[in-house]
């Protein structure tokens, strides 16, 4: 360690944190910097980004920081430290039996971030193994793309710390979706992009502040916000008249931003249940926008921002 190498003078714990924030390949390369760094990567919190596909470059998918799946077993068998992040990019059709053994290993436990992407899409029938949820109690961020959720998810599963959840192009039953959210006790951000569900998607959460929802297929979809007392943003990007979406908003007392959506994009019902559980509402019809707003009392509840895109008029913010 030369006199000008101030970074190497930092404590091992600090250096380990720095290494854990680097891409997997770069973290491993720190071992060649000096003898001081040689042992750090194996004991630092593991940031493991894996690509599953044929060796060499994959057209259309550029992940220079990811390691090939053939080296994963060796890494996790030699790693002595905790795990921070596991990111899997699946570029080929078919299941991957090795993934379940990876997630069952001692090295991939108590994850903070989980990112699983199946580029082949949910139609390939790729179902998440139960071991994916082994770190449920410690996860902070989770992103699942192109997968099917198993129907046998344990109802008692608890995501005590999960703050951000993103579901993109996934298939899930309405009951499993509702059970999944019921186990999230700190969730503030939920993104649902192309979620294919049997039954409606019911959302009840005392902690959610932001929901993003997009449905691009021609199959009918229904989103019901039953009890979301802290929800401030309901974002509907890229909605158009072919979406066939019904959105029912029942209890959102703090909603501030709603939209954008286009005329004809969806059947939209917004109403608030009175304390006696009897729906007492008046309504206002905005003919030019083809939208109905309902609220308890004599006047519709005022939103801070209602963003709408109308044919021939362009975007309008109210």
Protein backbone atom coordinates (compact mmCIF):
# COMPACT_ATOMS: atom_id res chain seq x y z
CA UNK A 1 0.00 0.00 0.00
CA UNK A 2 1.70 3.18 -1.17
CA UNK A 3 1.51 6.54 0.59
CA UNK A 4 -1.03 7.96 -1.87
CA UNK A 5 -3.51 5.07 -1.54
CA UNK A 6 -5.95 6.63 0.91
CA UNK A 7 -8.86 4.32 0.01
CA UNK A 8 -6.98 1.21 1.12
CA UNK A 9 -6.58 2.77 4.57
CA UNK A 10 -10.33 2.63 5.16
CA UNK A 11 -11.72 -0.06 7.50
CA UNK A 12 -12.66 -3.42 5.98
CA UNK A 13 -16.36 -2.81 6.62
CA UNK A 14 -16.32 0.42 4.58
CA UNK A 15 -14.35 -1.16 1.74
CA UNK A 16 -16.75 -4.11 1.74
CA UNK A 17 -19.71 -1.75 1.34
CA UNK A 18 -17.99 -0.03 -1.59
CA UNK A 19 -17.31 -3.38 -3.26
CA UNK A 20 -20.92 -4.49 -2.76
CA UNK A 21 -22.13 -1.48 -4.75
CA UNK A 22 -19.97 -2.36 -7.75
CA UNK A 23 -21.16 -4.64 -10.58
CA UNK A 24 -20.28 -8.28 -9.99
CA UNK A 25 -17.37 -8.41 -12.43
CA UNK A 26 -15.85 -5.17 -11.14
CA UNK A 27 -16.22 -6.30 -7.54
CA UNK A 28 -14.30 -9.47 -8.30
CA UNK A 29 -11.56 -7.55 -10.06
CA UNK A 30 -10.75 -5.57 -6.91
CA UNK A 31 -8.81 -8.63 -5.72
CA UNK A 32 -5.96 -7.77 -8.10
CA UNK A 33 -5.51 -4.20 -6.79
CA UNK A 34 -3.20 -5.18 -3.95
CA UNK A 35 -2.71 -7.72 -1.20
CA UNK A 36 -4.84 -5.46 1.05
CA UNK A 37 -7.88 -6.00 -1.20
CA UNK A 38 -7.41 -9.70 -1.92
CA UNK A 39 -9.69 -11.10 0.78
CA UNK A 40 -12.29 -8.33 0.77
CA UNK A 41 -14.52 -9.41 -2.12
CA UNK A 42 -15.16 -12.85 -0.63
CA UNK A 43 -16.30 -11.34 2.65
CA UNK A 44 -18.09 -8.23 1.32
CA UNK A 45 -21.90 -8.20 0.92
CA UNK A 46 -22.49 -10.08 -2.33
CA UNK A 47 -23.89 -8.21 -5.33
CA UNK A 48 -24.54 -11.05 -7.78
CA UNK A 49 -25.77 -10.24 -11.29
CA UNK A 50 -26.20 -13.35 -13.44
CA UNK A 51 -27.01 -13.78 -17.11
CA UNK A 52 -28.46 -17.06 -18.37
CA UNK A 53 -27.93 -17.64 -22.05
CA UNK A 54 -25.48 -18.95 -24.60
CA UNK A 55 -21.83 -17.96 -24.08
CA UNK A 56 -20.81 -14.76 -25.82
CA UNK A 57 -22.82 -11.63 -26.72
CA UNK A 58 -26.61 -12.01 -26.88
CA UNK A 59 -28.23 -9.89 -29.61
CA UNK A 60 -30.58 -7.30 -28.14
CA UNK A 61 -29.44 -7.88 -24.56
CA UNK A 62 -26.34 -6.08 -23.35
CA UNK A 63 -25.34 -6.80 -19.75
CA UNK A 64 -21.60 -6.18 -19.52
CA UNK A 65 -21.62 -6.25 -15.71
CA UNK A 66 -23.29 -9.67 -15.44
CA UNK A 67 -21.47 -12.97 -15.07
CA UNK A 68 -22.38 -16.12 -17.01
CA UNK A 69 -24.43 -18.64 -15.05
CA UNK A 70 -21.74 -21.31 -15.43
CA UNK A 71 -19.59 -19.51 -12.83
CA UNK A 72 -22.30 -18.85 -10.22
CA UNK A 73 -21.99 -22.09 -8.26
CA UNK A 74 -18.26 -21.54 -7.80
CA UNK A 75 -18.75 -17.96 -6.57
CA UNK A 76 -21.43 -18.75 -4.00
CA UNK A 77 -19.54 -21.80 -2.72
CA UNK A 78 -16.48 -19.64 -1.98
CA UNK A 79 -18.21 -16.51 -0.73
CA UNK A 80 -18.02 -16.05 3.03
CA UNK A 81 -19.95 -12.80 3.49
CA UNK A 82 -23.65 -11.93 3.46
CA UNK A 83 -25.71 -11.34 0.32
CA UNK A 84 -27.05 -7.91 -0.64
CA UNK A 85 -28.46 -8.25 -4.17
CA UNK A 86 -29.33 -11.07 -6.55
CA UNK A 87 -30.14 -10.13 -10.15
CA UNK A 88 -30.96 -12.80 -12.73
CA UNK A 89 -31.40 -12.13 -16.47
CA UNK A 90 -32.89 -15.19 -18.18
CA UNK A 91 -32.47 -15.01 -21.97
CA UNK A 92 -33.45 -18.52 -23.05
CA UNK A 93 -36.61 -20.63 -22.92
CA UNK A 94 -37.10 -23.30 -20.30
CA UNK A 95 -36.64 -23.68 -16.56
CA UNK A 96 -33.36 -23.41 -14.75
CA UNK A 97 -32.99 -26.07 -12.05
CA UNK A 98 -29.75 -24.48 -10.82
CA UNK A 99 -31.56 -21.30 -9.73
CA UNK A 100 -33.41 -23.06 -6.93
CA UNK A 101 -30.16 -24.49 -5.57
CA UNK A 102 -28.54 -21.03 -5.75
CA UNK A 103 -31.35 -19.43 -3.78
CA UNK A 104 -31.26 -22.25 -1.23
CA UNK A 105 -27.55 -21.75 -0.61
CA UNK A 106 -26.14 -20.12 2.50
CA UNK A 107 -24.52 -17.36 0.41
CA UNK A 108 -27.86 -16.16 -1.03
CA UNK A 109 -29.80 -15.57 2.15
CA UNK A 110 -31.16 -12.41 3.78
CA UNK A 111 -31.16 -10.54 0.46
CA UNK A 112 -32.02 -6.84 0.37
CA UNK A 113 -32.65 -6.64 -3.38
CA UNK A 114 -34.10 -9.26 -5.73
CA UNK A 115 -34.39 -8.78 -9.51
CA UNK A 116 -35.53 -11.69 -11.69
CA UNK A 117 -36.14 -11.08 -15.39
CA UNK A 118 -37.27 -13.75 -17.85
CA UNK A 119 -37.01 -12.14 -21.28
CA UNK A 120 -38.83 -15.06 -22.89
CA UNK A 121 -41.98 -13.87 -21.07
CA UNK A 122 -44.61 -15.47 -18.85
CA UNK A 123 -46.07 -17.39 -21.82
CA UNK A 124 -43.10 -19.77 -21.66
CA UNK A 125 -44.62 -21.15 -18.45
CA UNK A 126 -41.66 -20.25 -16.25
CA UNK A 127 -42.94 -20.46 -12.66
CA UNK A 128 -41.01 -18.90 -9.82
CA UNK A 129 -39.65 -21.51 -7.39
CA UNK A 130 -40.64 -21.22 -3.74
CA UNK A 131 -37.00 -20.55 -2.85
CA UNK A 132 -37.33 -17.10 -4.47
CA UNK A 133 -39.23 -15.98 -1.37
CA UNK A 134 -36.71 -17.36 1.12
CA UNK A 135 -35.47 -13.81 1.86
CA UNK A 136 -38.98 -12.38 2.22
CA UNK A 137 -38.35 -10.98 5.70
CA UNK A 138 -35.25 -8.96 4.69
CA UNK A 139 -36.10 -7.74 1.16
CA UNK A 140 -36.23 -3.98 0.58
CA UNK A 141 -36.70 -3.97 -3.22
CA UNK A 142 -38.12 -6.68 -5.50
CA UNK A 143 -38.63 -6.75 -9.27
CA UNK A 144 -40.16 -9.72 -11.08
CA UNK A 145 -40.54 -9.74 -14.88
CA UNK A 146 -41.80 -12.38 -17.31
CA UNK A 147 -42.67 -15.07 -14.75
CA UNK A 148 -45.67 -16.94 -13.37
CA UNK A 149 -46.42 -16.77 -9.66
CA UNK A 150 -47.07 -20.17 -8.04
CA UNK A 151 -50.55 -20.72 -6.62
CA UNK A 152 -49.08 -22.30 -3.50
CA UNK A 153 -47.44 -19.18 -2.04
CA UNK A 154 -47.51 -19.46 1.73
CA UNK A 155 -50.19 -17.15 3.10
CA UNK A 156 -48.20 -16.56 6.27
CA UNK A 157 -45.27 -15.13 4.30
CA UNK A 158 -44.28 -11.69 5.56
CA UNK A 159 -42.30 -9.01 3.75
CA UNK A 160 -41.61 -6.85 6.79
CA UNK A 161 -39.23 -4.39 5.09
CA UNK A 162 -40.23 -4.48 1.41
CA UNK A 163 -40.57 -0.88 0.24
CA UNK A 164 -40.67 -1.19 -3.56
CA UNK A 165 -42.33 -3.95 -5.61
CA UNK A 166 -42.38 -4.08 -9.42
CA UNK A 167 -44.34 -6.71 -11.35
CA UNK A 168 -43.81 -6.60 -15.11
CA UNK A 169 -45.39 -9.02 -17.59
CA UNK A 170 -46.26 -11.58 -14.92
CA UNK A 171 -49.13 -14.03 -14.53
CA UNK A 172 -50.76 -14.29 -11.11
CA UNK A 173 -54.14 -15.26 -9.70
CA UNK A 174 -56.18 -12.57 -7.98
CA UNK A 175 -56.07 -14.45 -4.67
CA UNK A 176 -52.29 -14.89 -4.76
CA UNK A 177 -51.84 -11.20 -5.62
CA UNK A 178 -54.04 -10.13 -2.72
CA UNK A 179 -52.20 -12.49 -0.36
CA UNK A 180 -48.85 -11.18 -1.56
CA UNK A 181 -49.81 -7.58 -0.78
CA UNK A 182 -51.29 -8.58 2.57
CA UNK A 183 -47.85 -9.77 3.61
CA UNK A 184 -46.18 -6.43 2.74
CA UNK A 185 -46.03 -4.28 5.89
CA UNK A 186 -43.87 -1.38 4.67
CA UNK A 187 -44.69 -1.19 0.95
CA UNK A 188 -44.81 2.37 -0.43
CA UNK A 189 -44.32 1.89 -4.18
CA UNK A 190 -46.10 -0.69 -6.36
CA UNK A 191 -45.65 -0.96 -10.14
CA UNK A 192 -47.99 -3.28 -12.08
CA UNK A 193 -47.04 -3.35 -15.76
CA UNK A 194 -48.80 -5.93 -17.94
CA UNK A 195 -49.96 -8.05 -15.00
CA UNK A 196 -52.10 -10.91 -16.33
CA UNK A 197 -54.45 -12.00 -13.59
CA UNK A 198 -57.31 -14.43 -13.19
CA UNK A 199 -59.87 -12.37 -11.33
CA UNK A 200 -59.53 -8.74 -10.35
CA UNK A 201 -56.46 -7.16 -8.80
CA UNK A 202 -57.56 -5.99 -5.35
CA UNK A 203 -55.28 -3.59 -3.50
CA UNK A 204 -55.59 -2.98 0.23
CA UNK A 205 -52.56 -1.47 1.91
CA UNK A 206 -52.16 0.93 4.84
CA UNK A 207 -48.69 2.01 3.63
CA UNK A 208 -48.85 2.42 -0.17
CA UNK A 209 -48.14 5.93 -1.46
CA UNK A 210 -47.69 5.33 -5.19
CA UNK A 211 -49.18 2.88 -7.71
CA UNK A 212 -48.21 2.61 -11.36
CA UNK A 213 -50.53 0.54 -13.57
CA UNK A 214 -50.26 -0.31 -17.26
CA UNK A 215 -52.23 -2.87 -19.26
CA UNK A 216 -51.48 -3.18 -22.97
CA UNK A 217 -53.28 -6.35 -24.06
CA UNK A 218 -56.88 -6.61 -25.27
CA UNK A 219 -57.89 -8.90 -22.41
CA UNK A 220 -60.15 -7.36 -19.79
CA UNK A 221 -58.54 -6.29 -16.54
CA UNK A 222 -59.97 -4.88 -13.34
CA UNK A 223 -58.07 -2.94 -10.68
CA UNK A 224 -59.85 -2.31 -7.38
CA UNK A 225 -58.34 0.01 -4.77
CA UNK A 226 -60.28 -1.10 -1.72
CA UNK A 227 -58.50 0.52 1.20
CA UNK A 228 -55.42 2.66 0.50
CA UNK A 229 -55.55 5.49 3.08
CA UNK A 230 -52.06 6.86 2.28
CA UNK A 231 -52.12 6.58 -1.51
CA UNK A 232 -51.07 9.87 -3.13
CA UNK A 233 -50.32 8.89 -6.75
CA UNK A 234 -52.20 6.59 -9.13
CA UNK A 235 -50.20 6.69 -12.35
CA UNK A 236 -51.62 5.21 -15.56
CA UNK A 237 -48.94 5.52 -18.26
CA UNK A 238 -49.58 4.51 -21.88
CA UNK A 239 -53.28 3.79 -21.51
CA UNK A 240 -55.23 3.86 -24.76
CA UNK A 241 -58.67 2.86 -25.99
CA UNK A 242 -57.63 -0.77 -26.57
CA UNK A 243 -56.75 -1.51 -22.96
CA UNK A 244 -60.17 -2.73 -21.72
CA UNK A 245 -59.40 -1.75 -18.14
CA UNK A 246 -61.88 -1.13 -15.34
CA UNK A 247 -60.53 0.84 -12.38
CA UNK A 248 -62.54 1.13 -9.17
CA UNK A 249 -61.23 3.50 -6.54
CA UNK A 250 -63.08 3.05 -3.25
CA UNK A 251 -61.03 4.62 -0.44
CA UNK A 252 -58.19 7.01 -1.32
CA UNK A 253 -58.57 10.05 0.98
CA UNK A 254 -55.08 11.43 0.19
CA UNK A 255 -55.02 10.96 -3.59
CA UNK A 256 -53.29 13.92 -5.27
CA UNK A 257 -52.19 12.77 -8.74
CA UNK A 258 -54.37 10.64 -11.01
CA UNK A 259 -53.50 9.83 -14.64
CA UNK A 260 -52.59 10.35 -17.39
CA UNK A 261 -55.18 8.45 -19.41
CA UNK A 262 -56.94 8.94 -22.73
CA UNK A 263 -60.63 9.14 -23.52
CA UNK A 264 -62.00 5.68 -24.08
CA UNK A 265 -59.03 4.15 -22.31
CA UNK A 266 -60.94 2.62 -19.46
CA UNK A 267 -64.14 2.49 -17.49
CA UNK A 268 -63.31 4.63 -14.50
CA UNK A 269 -65.26 4.72 -11.25
CA UNK A 270 -64.06 6.82 -8.34
CA UNK A 271 -66.14 6.81 -5.18
CA UNK A 272 -65.76 6.94 -1.46
CA UNK A 273 -67.60 4.73 1.01
CA UNK A 274 -69.29 6.57 3.88
CA UNK A 275 -68.57 5.66 7.50
CA UNK A 276 -71.85 3.72 7.67
CA UNK A 277 -70.69 1.54 4.75
CA UNK A 278 -73.56 2.92 2.68
CA UNK A 279 -72.42 4.51 -0.55
CA UNK A 280 -73.88 8.00 -0.69
CA UNK A 281 -72.67 9.76 -3.79
CA UNK A 282 -73.39 12.48 -6.20
CA UNK A 283 -71.77 12.42 -9.61
CA UNK A 284 -70.41 14.75 -12.20
CA UNK A 285 -70.21 13.74 -15.84
CA UNK A 286 -67.48 15.35 -17.92
CA UNK A 287 -68.91 14.65 -21.34
CA UNK A 288 -65.93 15.70 -23.40
CA UNK A 289 -63.64 13.37 -21.45
CA UNK A 290 -66.08 10.48 -21.16
CA UNK A 291 -65.22 9.99 -17.48
CA UNK A 292 -67.44 9.66 -14.41
CA UNK A 293 -66.25 10.79 -10.98
CA UNK A 294 -68.07 9.75 -7.82
CA UNK A 295 -67.57 10.86 -4.24
CA UNK A 296 -69.38 10.82 -0.92
CA UNK A 297 -71.24 13.96 0.02
CA UNK A 298 -72.62 16.55 -2.36
CA UNK A 299 -69.44 17.40 -4.22
CA UNK A 300 -66.79 15.25 -5.89
CA UNK A 301 -63.55 15.18 -3.92
CA UNK A 302 -61.04 17.63 -5.35
CA UNK A 303 -57.77 16.22 -6.72
CA UNK A 304 -54.66 18.36 -6.80
CA UNK A 305 -53.89 17.11 -10.29
CA UNK A 306 -55.96 15.24 -12.89
CA UNK A 307 -53.96 14.59 -16.05
CA UNK A 308 -56.00 13.60 -19.12
CA UNK A 309 -55.23 13.23 -22.81
CA UNK A 310 -58.17 13.84 -25.13
CA UNK A 311 -58.47 13.28 -28.85
CA UNK A 312 -58.08 16.48 -30.78
CA UNK A 313 -57.31 18.52 -27.68
CA UNK A 314 -53.95 17.17 -26.52
CA UNK A 315 -53.02 16.82 -22.86
CA UNK A 316 -54.96 18.73 -20.23
CA UNK A 317 -53.99 19.05 -16.56
CA UNK A 318 -56.64 20.17 -14.06
